[in-house]
Amino acid sequence: MADGNNDARAVVHRAVRNGREYIEYADGSSWTRKLDRATGQPVSDWVTVEKPPPADDNDGGTSEKTASIKRCLSVVAEHQAEGEPKHWYLFAHRPNDMGTGPGQVWQVTGDAEFMRYDHSAADVDRMSSPSYAWHQVVSRALADERFARVDEIARAERPPSAPSRAAVTEHCQGWTIRVLRRLVGEGIVDESVVRMLEGYMDPIRN
């Protein structure tokens, strides 16, 4: 976290939830890091929390305010077993005040020789998972029609497979990139974001 004005960097809110510490500064920025559940000590660096756009003060009830928050599409990375590449998937959700919240997951899981679809409904807050590593927003205003198109493309993009472990050339990260490249063609995701994410891909371990 960059240093700045002392008043602006004063912590105004701190919380610990699901093995993660969250803080908010007086300047409105929010940060999170992973904690060791046994000792409470930090085990990751601070990362910024994506904040949702403000809701319209003239909205009606809670459901109307929730609906007014733009749905974001992100790539989320999770830690796996030691020595294993991070698990990547696509996640669409309407961010709460801490940038987290339940949403739709599109992913492939299983052995790299025969991965399978493992999409899940919009009822899990994956950014509060103990295995959460980082996320990158790839679309900040995913309208309903674009959400439906993402769902269609992700369900049609073939999962990775190989005849043997030695022949594996792709895992969940490659599948996620393939889906993103199709979304670039649809005008939903920017090409520059995909190129940046490719730089974070883990090598294939046969």
N, C-alpha and C. Protein backbone atom coordinates (compact mmCIF):
# COMPACT_ATOMS: atom_id res chain seq x y z
N MET A 1 0.84 -1.19 0.00
CA MET A 1 0.00 0.00 0.00
C MET A 1 0.88 1.24 0.00
N ALA A 2 0.58 2.18 -0.88
CA ALA A 2 1.39 3.39 -0.96
C ALA A 2 1.10 4.29 0.22
N ASP A 3 2.15 5.00 0.70
CA ASP A 3 1.97 5.95 1.78
C ASP A 3 1.35 7.22 1.23
N GLY A 4 0.65 7.97 2.07
CA GLY A 4 0.04 9.21 1.63
C GLY A 4 -0.20 10.09 2.83
N ASN A 5 -1.12 11.05 2.71
CA ASN A 5 -1.47 11.92 3.81
C ASN A 5 -1.92 11.12 5.00
N ASN A 6 -1.42 11.46 6.20
CA ASN A 6 -1.72 10.67 7.40
C ASN A 6 -3.20 10.63 7.71
N ASP A 7 -3.90 11.78 7.53
CA ASP A 7 -5.33 11.81 7.80
C ASP A 7 -6.08 10.94 6.81
N ALA A 8 -5.69 11.03 5.53
CA ALA A 8 -6.36 10.25 4.49
C ALA A 8 -6.13 8.76 4.69
N ARG A 9 -4.98 8.38 5.29
CA ARG A 9 -4.65 6.97 5.45
C ARG A 9 -5.04 6.44 6.82
N ALA A 10 -5.80 7.20 7.59
CA ALA A 10 -6.27 6.70 8.88
C ALA A 10 -7.27 5.58 8.66
N VAL A 11 -7.12 4.50 9.40
CA VAL A 11 -8.05 3.37 9.29
C VAL A 11 -9.36 3.72 9.98
N VAL A 12 -10.47 3.62 9.23
CA VAL A 12 -11.78 3.95 9.80
C VAL A 12 -12.63 2.71 10.04
N HIS A 13 -12.21 1.59 9.47
CA HIS A 13 -12.95 0.35 9.69
C HIS A 13 -12.01 -0.83 9.53
N ARG A 14 -12.15 -1.81 10.41
CA ARG A 14 -11.34 -3.03 10.33
C ARG A 14 -12.23 -4.22 10.67
N ALA A 15 -12.09 -5.31 9.91
CA ALA A 15 -12.90 -6.50 10.17
C ALA A 15 -12.11 -7.73 9.76
N VAL A 16 -12.39 -8.85 10.43
CA VAL A 16 -11.80 -10.14 10.08
C VAL A 16 -12.94 -11.11 9.82
N ARG A 17 -12.96 -11.69 8.62
CA ARG A 17 -14.01 -12.62 8.24
C ARG A 17 -13.42 -13.74 7.39
N ASN A 18 -13.79 -14.98 7.73
CA ASN A 18 -13.42 -16.14 6.92
C ASN A 18 -11.93 -16.19 6.60
N GLY A 19 -11.11 -15.91 7.62
CA GLY A 19 -9.67 -16.02 7.43
C GLY A 19 -9.05 -14.88 6.65
N ARG A 20 -9.77 -13.76 6.51
CA ARG A 20 -9.23 -12.60 5.82
C ARG A 20 -9.44 -11.35 6.66
N GLU A 21 -8.48 -10.43 6.59
CA GLU A 21 -8.59 -9.15 7.27
C GLU A 21 -8.95 -8.07 6.25
N TYR A 22 -9.90 -7.23 6.60
CA TYR A 22 -10.33 -6.14 5.73
C TYR A 22 -10.14 -4.81 6.46
N ILE A 23 -9.62 -3.80 5.78
CA ILE A 23 -9.52 -2.47 6.37
C ILE A 23 -10.00 -1.44 5.35
N GLU A 24 -10.54 -0.34 5.88
CA GLU A 24 -10.95 0.78 5.04
C GLU A 24 -10.31 2.04 5.59
N TYR A 25 -9.73 2.85 4.69
CA TYR A 25 -9.09 4.10 5.07
C TYR A 25 -10.04 5.28 4.92
N ALA A 26 -9.66 6.39 5.54
CA ALA A 26 -10.48 7.59 5.49
C ALA A 26 -10.64 8.11 4.06
N ASP A 27 -9.70 7.76 3.17
CA ASP A 27 -9.81 8.22 1.79
C ASP A 27 -10.77 7.36 0.96
N GLY A 28 -11.39 6.36 1.62
CA GLY A 28 -12.37 5.52 0.94
C GLY A 28 -11.82 4.24 0.35
N SER A 29 -10.50 4.07 0.32
CA SER A 29 -9.92 2.85 -0.24
C SER A 29 -10.05 1.69 0.75
N SER A 30 -10.23 0.49 0.20
CA SER A 30 -10.36 -0.71 1.02
C SER A 30 -9.32 -1.73 0.59
N TRP A 31 -8.81 -2.51 1.56
CA TRP A 31 -7.76 -3.48 1.31
C TRP A 31 -8.06 -4.77 2.07
N THR A 32 -7.51 -5.88 1.58
CA THR A 32 -7.70 -7.15 2.26
C THR A 32 -6.42 -7.98 2.17
N ARG A 33 -6.22 -8.86 3.16
CA ARG A 33 -5.11 -9.80 3.11
C ARG A 33 -5.54 -11.08 3.83
N LYS A 34 -4.88 -12.18 3.50
CA LYS A 34 -5.21 -13.48 4.08
C LYS A 34 -4.47 -13.65 5.41
N LEU A 35 -5.16 -14.27 6.38
CA LEU A 35 -4.57 -14.52 7.69
C LEU A 35 -4.45 -16.01 7.95
N ASP A 36 -3.46 -16.39 8.73
CA ASP A 36 -3.35 -17.77 9.21
C ASP A 36 -4.45 -17.98 10.25
N ARG A 37 -5.32 -18.97 10.02
CA ARG A 37 -6.46 -19.17 10.91
C ARG A 37 -6.03 -19.60 12.31
N ALA A 38 -4.87 -20.21 12.43
CA ALA A 38 -4.42 -20.68 13.75
C ALA A 38 -3.77 -19.56 14.55
N THR A 39 -2.93 -18.76 13.89
CA THR A 39 -2.17 -17.73 14.61
C THR A 39 -2.72 -16.32 14.44
N GLY A 40 -3.52 -16.12 13.40
CA GLY A 40 -4.02 -14.78 13.12
C GLY A 40 -3.01 -13.89 12.44
N GLN A 41 -1.84 -14.44 12.09
CA GLN A 41 -0.79 -13.66 11.44
C GLN A 41 -1.04 -13.57 9.93
N PRO A 42 -0.66 -12.46 9.30
CA PRO A 42 -0.87 -12.33 7.85
C PRO A 42 0.01 -13.30 7.07
N VAL A 43 -0.57 -13.88 6.02
CA VAL A 43 0.18 -14.82 5.17
C VAL A 43 0.13 -14.38 3.70
N SER A 44 -0.35 -13.18 3.43
CA SER A 44 -0.34 -12.65 2.07
C SER A 44 -0.19 -11.14 2.14
N ASP A 45 0.16 -10.55 1.00
CA ASP A 45 0.26 -9.10 0.93
C ASP A 45 -1.13 -8.48 0.87
N TRP A 46 -1.21 -7.19 1.17
CA TRP A 46 -2.46 -6.46 1.02
C TRP A 46 -2.80 -6.31 -0.46
N VAL A 47 -4.07 -6.49 -0.82
CA VAL A 47 -4.55 -6.22 -2.17
C VAL A 47 -5.78 -5.34 -2.07
N THR A 48 -6.01 -4.53 -3.09
CA THR A 48 -7.15 -3.63 -3.07
C THR A 48 -8.45 -4.41 -3.24
N VAL A 49 -9.51 -3.88 -2.66
CA VAL A 49 -10.85 -4.45 -2.80
C VAL A 49 -11.62 -3.58 -3.77
N GLU A 50 -12.19 -4.22 -4.80
CA GLU A 50 -12.98 -3.47 -5.76
C GLU A 50 -14.26 -2.98 -5.09
N LYS A 51 -14.52 -1.68 -5.17
CA LYS A 51 -15.72 -1.09 -4.58
C LYS A 51 -16.82 -0.98 -5.62
N PRO A 52 -18.07 -1.24 -5.25
CA PRO A 52 -19.17 -1.10 -6.20
C PRO A 52 -19.49 0.36 -6.46
N PRO A 53 -20.10 0.66 -7.61
CA PRO A 53 -20.55 2.03 -7.83
C PRO A 53 -21.63 2.39 -6.82
N PRO A 54 -21.75 3.68 -6.40
CA PRO A 54 -22.77 4.05 -5.43
C PRO A 54 -24.17 3.85 -5.97
N ALA A 55 -25.07 3.39 -5.11
CA ALA A 55 -26.46 3.21 -5.50
C ALA A 55 -27.16 4.56 -5.52
N ASP A 56 -28.23 4.66 -6.30
CA ASP A 56 -29.02 5.88 -6.38
C ASP A 56 -29.76 6.10 -5.08
N ASP A 57 -29.57 7.27 -4.43
CA ASP A 57 -30.22 7.55 -3.16
C ASP A 57 -31.73 7.60 -3.27
N ASN A 58 -32.23 7.77 -4.51
CA ASN A 58 -33.67 7.86 -4.70
C ASN A 58 -34.30 6.51 -4.95
N ASP A 59 -33.49 5.44 -4.92
CA ASP A 59 -34.04 4.11 -5.12
C ASP A 59 -35.02 3.77 -4.02
N GLY A 60 -35.82 2.77 -4.27
CA GLY A 60 -36.81 2.34 -3.30
C GLY A 60 -36.22 1.43 -2.26
N GLY A 61 -36.73 0.19 -2.17
CA GLY A 61 -36.31 -0.76 -1.15
C GLY A 61 -34.96 -1.37 -1.45
N THR A 62 -34.57 -2.31 -0.58
CA THR A 62 -33.26 -2.94 -0.69
C THR A 62 -33.08 -3.66 -2.02
N SER A 63 -34.11 -4.35 -2.50
CA SER A 63 -33.99 -5.10 -3.74
C SER A 63 -33.70 -4.17 -4.91
N GLU A 64 -34.33 -2.97 -4.92
CA GLU A 64 -34.07 -2.02 -5.99
C GLU A 64 -32.64 -1.51 -5.93
N LYS A 65 -32.14 -1.25 -4.71
CA LYS A 65 -30.77 -0.77 -4.56
C LYS A 65 -29.77 -1.83 -4.98
N THR A 66 -30.04 -3.09 -4.62
CA THR A 66 -29.15 -4.18 -5.03
C THR A 66 -29.11 -4.30 -6.54
N ALA A 67 -30.29 -4.20 -7.16
CA ALA A 67 -30.36 -4.32 -8.61
C ALA A 67 -29.63 -3.18 -9.31
N SER A 68 -29.53 -2.01 -8.65
CA SER A 68 -28.88 -0.85 -9.28
C SER A 68 -27.36 -0.98 -9.28
N ILE A 69 -26.80 -1.86 -8.44
CA ILE A 69 -25.36 -2.07 -8.40
C ILE A 69 -24.95 -2.86 -9.63
N LYS A 70 -23.99 -2.35 -10.36
CA LYS A 70 -23.56 -3.00 -11.59
C LYS A 70 -22.91 -4.35 -11.29
N ARG A 71 -23.24 -5.33 -12.09
CA ARG A 71 -22.62 -6.66 -11.98
C ARG A 71 -21.24 -6.60 -12.61
N CYS A 72 -20.23 -7.13 -11.91
CA CYS A 72 -18.86 -7.19 -12.40
C CYS A 72 -18.51 -8.61 -12.84
N LEU A 73 -17.68 -8.72 -13.85
CA LEU A 73 -17.13 -10.01 -14.26
C LEU A 73 -15.65 -10.00 -13.94
N SER A 74 -15.18 -11.00 -13.21
CA SER A 74 -13.78 -11.07 -12.78
C SER A 74 -13.19 -12.43 -13.06
N VAL A 75 -11.88 -12.47 -13.17
CA VAL A 75 -11.13 -13.73 -13.08
C VAL A 75 -10.65 -13.83 -11.64
N VAL A 76 -10.98 -14.94 -10.98
CA VAL A 76 -10.57 -15.17 -9.59
C VAL A 76 -9.54 -16.30 -9.58
N ALA A 77 -8.49 -16.11 -8.80
CA ALA A 77 -7.47 -17.16 -8.62
C ALA A 77 -7.51 -17.65 -7.18
N GLU A 78 -7.43 -18.97 -7.02
CA GLU A 78 -7.42 -19.57 -5.69
C GLU A 78 -6.19 -20.45 -5.52
N HIS A 79 -5.66 -20.46 -4.29
CA HIS A 79 -4.55 -21.34 -3.97
C HIS A 79 -5.02 -22.80 -3.99
N GLN A 80 -4.15 -23.69 -4.46
CA GLN A 80 -4.39 -25.13 -4.37
C GLN A 80 -3.30 -25.73 -3.47
N ALA A 81 -3.08 -27.01 -3.59
CA ALA A 81 -2.05 -27.66 -2.79
C ALA A 81 -0.68 -27.08 -3.13
N GLU A 82 0.25 -27.17 -2.18
CA GLU A 82 1.60 -26.64 -2.39
C GLU A 82 2.22 -27.23 -3.65
N GLY A 83 2.78 -26.37 -4.47
CA GLY A 83 3.40 -26.81 -5.71
C GLY A 83 2.45 -26.90 -6.89
N GLU A 84 1.15 -26.74 -6.64
CA GLU A 84 0.16 -26.81 -7.71
C GLU A 84 -0.11 -25.40 -8.25
N PRO A 85 -0.45 -25.31 -9.56
CA PRO A 85 -0.80 -23.99 -10.11
C PRO A 85 -2.09 -23.48 -9.48
N LYS A 86 -2.27 -22.18 -9.47
CA LYS A 86 -3.50 -21.61 -8.93
C LYS A 86 -4.69 -22.00 -9.80
N HIS A 87 -5.83 -22.14 -9.14
CA HIS A 87 -7.07 -22.44 -9.87
C HIS A 87 -7.71 -21.13 -10.31
N TRP A 88 -8.01 -21.02 -11.60
CA TRP A 88 -8.66 -19.82 -12.15
C TRP A 88 -10.09 -20.14 -12.56
N TYR A 89 -10.95 -19.15 -12.41
CA TYR A 89 -12.32 -19.28 -12.93
C TYR A 89 -12.91 -17.90 -13.14
N LEU A 90 -14.03 -17.86 -13.84
CA LEU A 90 -14.76 -16.61 -14.06
C LEU A 90 -15.84 -16.46 -13.01
N PHE A 91 -16.03 -15.23 -12.52
CA PHE A 91 -16.97 -14.98 -11.43
C PHE A 91 -17.72 -13.69 -11.71
N ALA A 92 -19.05 -13.75 -11.74
CA ALA A 92 -19.89 -12.57 -11.94
C ALA A 92 -20.69 -12.31 -10.68
N HIS A 93 -20.58 -11.10 -10.13
CA HIS A 93 -21.31 -10.77 -8.91
C HIS A 93 -21.57 -9.27 -8.82
N ARG A 94 -22.51 -8.92 -7.94
CA ARG A 94 -22.78 -7.51 -7.64
C ARG A 94 -22.05 -7.20 -6.33
N PRO A 95 -20.97 -6.42 -6.37
CA PRO A 95 -20.14 -6.22 -5.17
C PRO A 95 -20.89 -5.53 -4.03
N ASN A 96 -20.64 -6.02 -2.81
CA ASN A 96 -21.16 -5.34 -1.63
C ASN A 96 -20.18 -4.24 -1.21
N ASP A 97 -20.35 -3.70 -0.01
CA ASP A 97 -19.51 -2.58 0.42
C ASP A 97 -18.03 -2.94 0.52
N MET A 98 -17.72 -4.24 0.69
CA MET A 98 -16.33 -4.67 0.77
C MET A 98 -15.82 -5.22 -0.55
N GLY A 99 -16.65 -5.14 -1.60
CA GLY A 99 -16.24 -5.62 -2.90
C GLY A 99 -16.47 -7.09 -3.12
N THR A 100 -16.96 -7.80 -2.09
CA THR A 100 -17.21 -9.23 -2.21
C THR A 100 -18.71 -9.46 -2.42
N GLY A 101 -19.17 -10.69 -2.23
CA GLY A 101 -20.58 -11.00 -2.38
C GLY A 101 -20.79 -12.25 -3.21
N PRO A 102 -21.98 -12.85 -3.12
CA PRO A 102 -22.27 -14.08 -3.87
C PRO A 102 -22.39 -13.81 -5.36
N GLY A 103 -22.11 -14.83 -6.15
CA GLY A 103 -22.21 -14.67 -7.60
C GLY A 103 -22.14 -15.98 -8.34
N GLN A 104 -22.14 -15.89 -9.65
CA GLN A 104 -22.12 -17.04 -10.56
C GLN A 104 -20.68 -17.41 -10.90
N VAL A 105 -20.36 -18.70 -10.82
CA VAL A 105 -19.02 -19.20 -11.15
C VAL A 105 -19.08 -20.03 -12.42
N TRP A 106 -18.13 -19.79 -13.32
CA TRP A 106 -17.92 -20.66 -14.48
C TRP A 106 -16.49 -21.19 -14.38
N GLN A 107 -16.35 -22.51 -14.35
CA GLN A 107 -15.02 -23.09 -14.16
C GLN A 107 -14.98 -24.52 -14.69
N VAL A 108 -13.75 -25.01 -14.84
CA VAL A 108 -13.52 -26.43 -15.12
C VAL A 108 -12.62 -26.96 -14.01
N THR A 109 -12.87 -28.18 -13.58
CA THR A 109 -12.10 -28.78 -12.50
C THR A 109 -11.76 -30.23 -12.85
N GLY A 110 -10.94 -30.85 -12.01
CA GLY A 110 -10.56 -32.24 -12.21
C GLY A 110 -9.14 -32.37 -12.73
N ASP A 111 -8.73 -33.62 -12.97
CA ASP A 111 -7.40 -33.88 -13.50
C ASP A 111 -7.24 -33.24 -14.87
N ALA A 112 -6.04 -32.77 -15.16
CA ALA A 112 -5.81 -32.05 -16.41
C ALA A 112 -6.04 -32.92 -17.65
N GLU A 113 -5.96 -34.25 -17.49
CA GLU A 113 -6.20 -35.13 -18.63
C GLU A 113 -7.68 -35.15 -19.04
N PHE A 114 -8.57 -34.89 -18.06
CA PHE A 114 -10.00 -34.95 -18.37
C PHE A 114 -10.73 -33.99 -17.43
N MET A 115 -10.67 -32.71 -17.74
CA MET A 115 -11.35 -31.72 -16.92
C MET A 115 -12.83 -31.67 -17.30
N ARG A 116 -13.65 -31.18 -16.38
CA ARG A 116 -15.10 -31.15 -16.61
C ARG A 116 -15.65 -29.80 -16.15
N TYR A 117 -16.82 -29.46 -16.68
CA TYR A 117 -17.50 -28.25 -16.22
C TYR A 117 -17.89 -28.41 -14.76
N ASP A 118 -17.74 -27.32 -14.00
CA ASP A 118 -18.14 -27.33 -12.59
C ASP A 118 -18.71 -25.96 -12.24
N HIS A 119 -19.63 -25.48 -13.07
CA HIS A 119 -20.23 -24.17 -12.85
C HIS A 119 -21.14 -24.24 -11.62
N SER A 120 -21.32 -23.11 -10.94
CA SER A 120 -22.18 -23.09 -9.75
C SER A 120 -23.10 -21.89 -9.78
N ALA A 121 -24.23 -22.01 -9.10
CA ALA A 121 -25.25 -20.96 -9.09
C ALA A 121 -24.80 -19.76 -8.26
N ALA A 122 -25.60 -18.72 -8.33
CA ALA A 122 -25.24 -17.44 -7.70
C ALA A 122 -25.56 -17.42 -6.21
N ASP A 123 -24.86 -18.21 -5.43
CA ASP A 123 -25.14 -18.23 -3.99
C ASP A 123 -23.88 -18.40 -3.14
N VAL A 124 -22.70 -18.23 -3.74
CA VAL A 124 -21.45 -18.44 -3.01
C VAL A 124 -20.57 -17.20 -3.12
N ASP A 125 -20.06 -16.71 -1.98
CA ASP A 125 -19.14 -15.58 -1.96
C ASP A 125 -17.72 -16.11 -2.09
N ARG A 126 -17.26 -16.27 -3.32
CA ARG A 126 -15.97 -16.91 -3.56
C ARG A 126 -14.80 -16.01 -3.17
N MET A 127 -14.98 -14.71 -3.12
CA MET A 127 -13.88 -13.83 -2.76
C MET A 127 -13.61 -13.81 -1.26
N SER A 128 -14.48 -14.45 -0.48
CA SER A 128 -14.24 -14.59 0.96
C SER A 128 -13.76 -16.00 1.30
N SER A 129 -13.48 -16.80 0.28
CA SER A 129 -13.00 -18.17 0.50
C SER A 129 -11.61 -18.15 1.12
N PRO A 130 -11.31 -19.08 2.04
CA PRO A 130 -9.96 -19.16 2.62
C PRO A 130 -8.87 -19.39 1.58
N SER A 131 -9.24 -19.97 0.42
CA SER A 131 -8.25 -20.25 -0.61
C SER A 131 -8.09 -19.09 -1.60
N TYR A 132 -8.85 -18.01 -1.42
CA TYR A 132 -8.78 -16.86 -2.33
C TYR A 132 -7.35 -16.31 -2.39
N ALA A 133 -6.87 -16.06 -3.62
CA ALA A 133 -5.53 -15.49 -3.82
C ALA A 133 -5.62 -14.05 -4.33
N TRP A 134 -6.30 -13.85 -5.46
CA TRP A 134 -6.46 -12.52 -6.03
C TRP A 134 -7.57 -12.56 -7.07
N HIS A 135 -7.99 -11.39 -7.51
CA HIS A 135 -8.94 -11.34 -8.62
C HIS A 135 -8.63 -10.14 -9.50
N GLN A 136 -9.07 -10.23 -10.74
CA GLN A 136 -8.91 -9.14 -11.70
C GLN A 136 -10.26 -8.90 -12.38
N VAL A 137 -10.80 -7.70 -12.23
CA VAL A 137 -12.05 -7.35 -12.91
C VAL A 137 -11.77 -7.22 -14.40
N VAL A 138 -12.60 -7.88 -15.22
CA VAL A 138 -12.44 -7.80 -16.67
C VAL A 138 -13.60 -7.08 -17.34
N SER A 139 -14.71 -6.89 -16.60
CA SER A 139 -15.84 -6.10 -17.10
C SER A 139 -16.56 -5.52 -15.89
N ARG A 140 -16.74 -4.20 -15.86
CA ARG A 140 -17.31 -3.54 -14.69
C ARG A 140 -18.81 -3.28 -14.81
N ALA A 141 -19.39 -3.53 -15.94
CA ALA A 141 -20.82 -3.28 -16.13
C ALA A 141 -21.41 -4.38 -17.01
N LEU A 142 -21.61 -5.55 -16.41
CA LEU A 142 -22.08 -6.72 -17.15
C LEU A 142 -23.61 -6.72 -17.14
N ALA A 143 -24.20 -6.12 -18.17
CA ALA A 143 -25.65 -6.08 -18.29
C ALA A 143 -26.21 -7.49 -18.47
N ASP A 144 -27.52 -7.63 -18.27
CA ASP A 144 -28.15 -8.96 -18.30
C ASP A 144 -27.89 -9.70 -19.60
N GLU A 145 -27.98 -8.99 -20.73
CA GLU A 145 -27.78 -9.67 -22.01
C GLU A 145 -26.33 -10.14 -22.17
N ARG A 146 -25.39 -9.36 -21.64
CA ARG A 146 -23.99 -9.79 -21.70
C ARG A 146 -23.72 -10.92 -20.71
N PHE A 147 -24.36 -10.87 -19.55
CA PHE A 147 -24.25 -11.98 -18.60
C PHE A 147 -24.71 -13.28 -19.25
N ALA A 148 -25.83 -13.22 -19.96
CA ALA A 148 -26.36 -14.41 -20.63
C ALA A 148 -25.39 -14.91 -21.70
N ARG A 149 -24.73 -13.98 -22.39
CA ARG A 149 -23.78 -14.38 -23.43
C ARG A 149 -22.55 -15.03 -22.81
N VAL A 150 -22.06 -14.48 -21.69
CA VAL A 150 -20.94 -15.11 -20.99
C VAL A 150 -21.30 -16.53 -20.59
N ASP A 151 -22.50 -16.70 -20.05
CA ASP A 151 -22.96 -18.02 -19.63
C ASP A 151 -22.99 -18.99 -20.81
N GLU A 152 -23.49 -18.53 -21.93
CA GLU A 152 -23.58 -19.37 -23.12
C GLU A 152 -22.20 -19.79 -23.62
N ILE A 153 -21.28 -18.84 -23.67
CA ILE A 153 -19.93 -19.12 -24.17
C ILE A 153 -19.19 -20.06 -23.22
N ALA A 154 -19.26 -19.79 -21.91
CA ALA A 154 -18.54 -20.62 -20.94
C ALA A 154 -19.04 -22.06 -20.94
N ARG A 155 -20.34 -22.23 -21.17
CA ARG A 155 -20.90 -23.58 -21.18
C ARG A 155 -20.62 -24.33 -22.48
N ALA A 156 -20.17 -23.59 -23.49
CA ALA A 156 -19.88 -24.22 -24.78
C ALA A 156 -18.39 -24.44 -25.01
N GLU A 157 -17.54 -23.71 -24.27
CA GLU A 157 -16.09 -23.83 -24.49
C GLU A 157 -15.58 -25.16 -23.92
N ARG A 158 -14.98 -25.96 -24.77
CA ARG A 158 -14.58 -27.32 -24.41
C ARG A 158 -13.55 -27.33 -23.28
N PRO A 159 -13.76 -28.16 -22.24
CA PRO A 159 -12.76 -28.28 -21.16
C PRO A 159 -11.47 -28.90 -21.67
N PRO A 160 -10.33 -28.63 -21.03
CA PRO A 160 -9.06 -29.23 -21.43
C PRO A 160 -9.09 -30.75 -21.26
N SER A 161 -8.36 -31.44 -22.13
CA SER A 161 -8.22 -32.90 -22.01
C SER A 161 -6.93 -33.31 -22.70
N ALA A 162 -6.45 -34.50 -22.36
CA ALA A 162 -5.23 -35.04 -22.96
C ALA A 162 -5.23 -36.55 -22.77
N PRO A 163 -4.58 -37.29 -23.67
CA PRO A 163 -4.56 -38.75 -23.56
C PRO A 163 -3.72 -39.26 -22.39
N SER A 164 -2.80 -38.41 -21.88
CA SER A 164 -1.95 -38.82 -20.77
C SER A 164 -1.43 -37.58 -20.06
N ARG A 165 -0.89 -37.77 -18.86
CA ARG A 165 -0.32 -36.65 -18.11
C ARG A 165 0.81 -35.98 -18.91
N ALA A 166 1.63 -36.78 -19.57
CA ALA A 166 2.76 -36.22 -20.33
C ALA A 166 2.29 -35.37 -21.51
N ALA A 167 1.07 -35.61 -21.98
CA ALA A 167 0.56 -34.88 -23.14
C ALA A 167 -0.24 -33.63 -22.76
N VAL A 168 -0.36 -33.35 -21.47
CA VAL A 168 -1.14 -32.19 -21.02
C VAL A 168 -0.49 -30.88 -21.47
N THR A 169 -1.25 -30.03 -22.10
CA THR A 169 -0.76 -28.72 -22.54
C THR A 169 -1.58 -27.56 -21.98
N GLU A 170 -2.61 -27.88 -21.19
CA GLU A 170 -3.51 -26.83 -20.73
C GLU A 170 -4.22 -27.28 -19.45
N HIS A 171 -4.53 -26.31 -18.57
CA HIS A 171 -5.35 -26.61 -17.40
C HIS A 171 -6.41 -25.52 -17.28
N CYS A 172 -6.97 -25.33 -16.09
CA CYS A 172 -8.07 -24.38 -15.92
C CYS A 172 -7.72 -22.96 -16.34
N GLN A 173 -6.46 -22.58 -16.19
CA GLN A 173 -6.06 -21.23 -16.56
C GLN A 173 -6.17 -21.03 -18.07
N GLY A 174 -5.74 -22.02 -18.83
CA GLY A 174 -5.85 -21.94 -20.28
C GLY A 174 -7.29 -21.89 -20.75
N TRP A 175 -8.15 -22.68 -20.09
CA TRP A 175 -9.58 -22.66 -20.43
C TRP A 175 -10.16 -21.28 -20.17
N THR A 176 -9.81 -20.68 -19.04
CA THR A 176 -10.31 -19.35 -18.70
C THR A 176 -9.88 -18.33 -19.74
N ILE A 177 -8.63 -18.41 -20.19
CA ILE A 177 -8.13 -17.50 -21.21
C ILE A 177 -8.88 -17.70 -22.52
N ARG A 178 -9.17 -18.96 -22.88
CA ARG A 178 -9.92 -19.22 -24.11
C ARG A 178 -11.30 -18.56 -24.07
N VAL A 179 -11.98 -18.70 -22.92
CA VAL A 179 -13.29 -18.06 -22.77
C VAL A 179 -13.16 -16.55 -22.89
N LEU A 180 -12.14 -15.99 -22.24
CA LEU A 180 -11.94 -14.54 -22.30
C LEU A 180 -11.70 -14.07 -23.73
N ARG A 181 -10.96 -14.84 -24.51
CA ARG A 181 -10.68 -14.43 -25.89
C ARG A 181 -11.97 -14.42 -26.72
N ARG A 182 -12.87 -15.33 -26.44
CA ARG A 182 -14.16 -15.29 -27.12
C ARG A 182 -14.97 -14.07 -26.67
N LEU A 183 -14.83 -13.71 -25.41
CA LEU A 183 -15.53 -12.52 -24.90
C LEU A 183 -14.94 -11.24 -25.49
N VAL A 184 -13.65 -11.26 -25.81
CA VAL A 184 -13.04 -10.13 -26.51
C VAL A 184 -13.74 -9.94 -27.85
N GLY A 185 -13.97 -11.05 -28.55
CA GLY A 185 -14.65 -11.00 -29.84
C GLY A 185 -16.07 -10.49 -29.75
N GLU A 186 -16.68 -10.63 -28.56
CA GLU A 186 -18.04 -10.16 -28.34
C GLU A 186 -18.07 -8.70 -27.87
N GLY A 187 -16.89 -8.12 -27.63
CA GLY A 187 -16.85 -6.75 -27.13
C GLY A 187 -17.13 -6.63 -25.65
N ILE A 188 -17.07 -7.74 -24.92
CA ILE A 188 -17.37 -7.75 -23.49
C ILE A 188 -16.11 -7.52 -22.66
N VAL A 189 -14.98 -8.01 -23.14
CA VAL A 189 -13.69 -7.92 -22.43
C VAL A 189 -12.67 -7.26 -23.35
N ASP A 190 -11.78 -6.47 -22.77
CA ASP A 190 -10.74 -5.79 -23.54
C ASP A 190 -9.53 -6.71 -23.74
N GLU A 191 -8.99 -6.68 -24.93
CA GLU A 191 -7.84 -7.52 -25.28
C GLU A 191 -6.65 -7.28 -24.35
N SER A 192 -6.43 -6.04 -23.93
CA SER A 192 -5.26 -5.73 -23.09
C SER A 192 -5.33 -6.44 -21.75
N VAL A 193 -6.53 -6.63 -21.21
CA VAL A 193 -6.68 -7.32 -19.93
C VAL A 193 -6.30 -8.79 -20.08
N VAL A 194 -6.68 -9.39 -21.20
CA VAL A 194 -6.36 -10.79 -21.45
C VAL A 194 -4.85 -10.97 -21.56
N ARG A 195 -4.20 -10.08 -22.29
CA ARG A 195 -2.74 -10.17 -22.42
C ARG A 195 -2.06 -10.04 -21.06
N MET A 196 -2.57 -9.16 -20.22
CA MET A 196 -1.99 -8.99 -18.89
C MET A 196 -2.15 -10.28 -18.08
N LEU A 197 -3.33 -10.89 -18.12
CA LEU A 197 -3.58 -12.11 -17.36
C LEU A 197 -2.72 -13.26 -17.86
N GLU A 198 -2.46 -13.31 -19.15
CA GLU A 198 -1.59 -14.36 -19.69
C GLU A 198 -0.21 -14.31 -19.04
N GLY A 199 0.22 -13.13 -18.64
CA GLY A 199 1.51 -13.01 -17.98
C GLY A 199 1.53 -13.59 -16.58
N TYR A 200 0.36 -13.86 -16.01
CA TYR A 200 0.26 -14.42 -14.66
C TYR A 200 0.03 -15.93 -14.68
N MET A 201 -0.05 -16.53 -15.86
CA MET A 201 -0.34 -17.96 -15.94
C MET A 201 0.81 -18.79 -15.38
N ASP A 202 0.45 -19.86 -14.67
CA ASP A 202 1.45 -20.79 -14.15
C ASP A 202 1.85 -21.79 -15.22
N PRO A 203 3.08 -22.29 -15.19
CA PRO A 203 3.51 -23.27 -16.18
C PRO A 203 2.80 -24.61 -16.01
N ILE A 204 2.72 -25.35 -17.10
CA ILE A 204 2.15 -26.69 -17.05
C ILE A 204 3.17 -27.63 -16.42
N ARG A 205 2.73 -28.40 -15.42
CA ARG A 205 3.62 -29.37 -14.77
C ARG A 205 3.13 -30.77 -15.12
N ASN A 206 3.87 -31.45 -15.98
CA ASN A 206 3.48 -32.80 -16.42
C ASN A 206 3.95 -33.84 -15.42
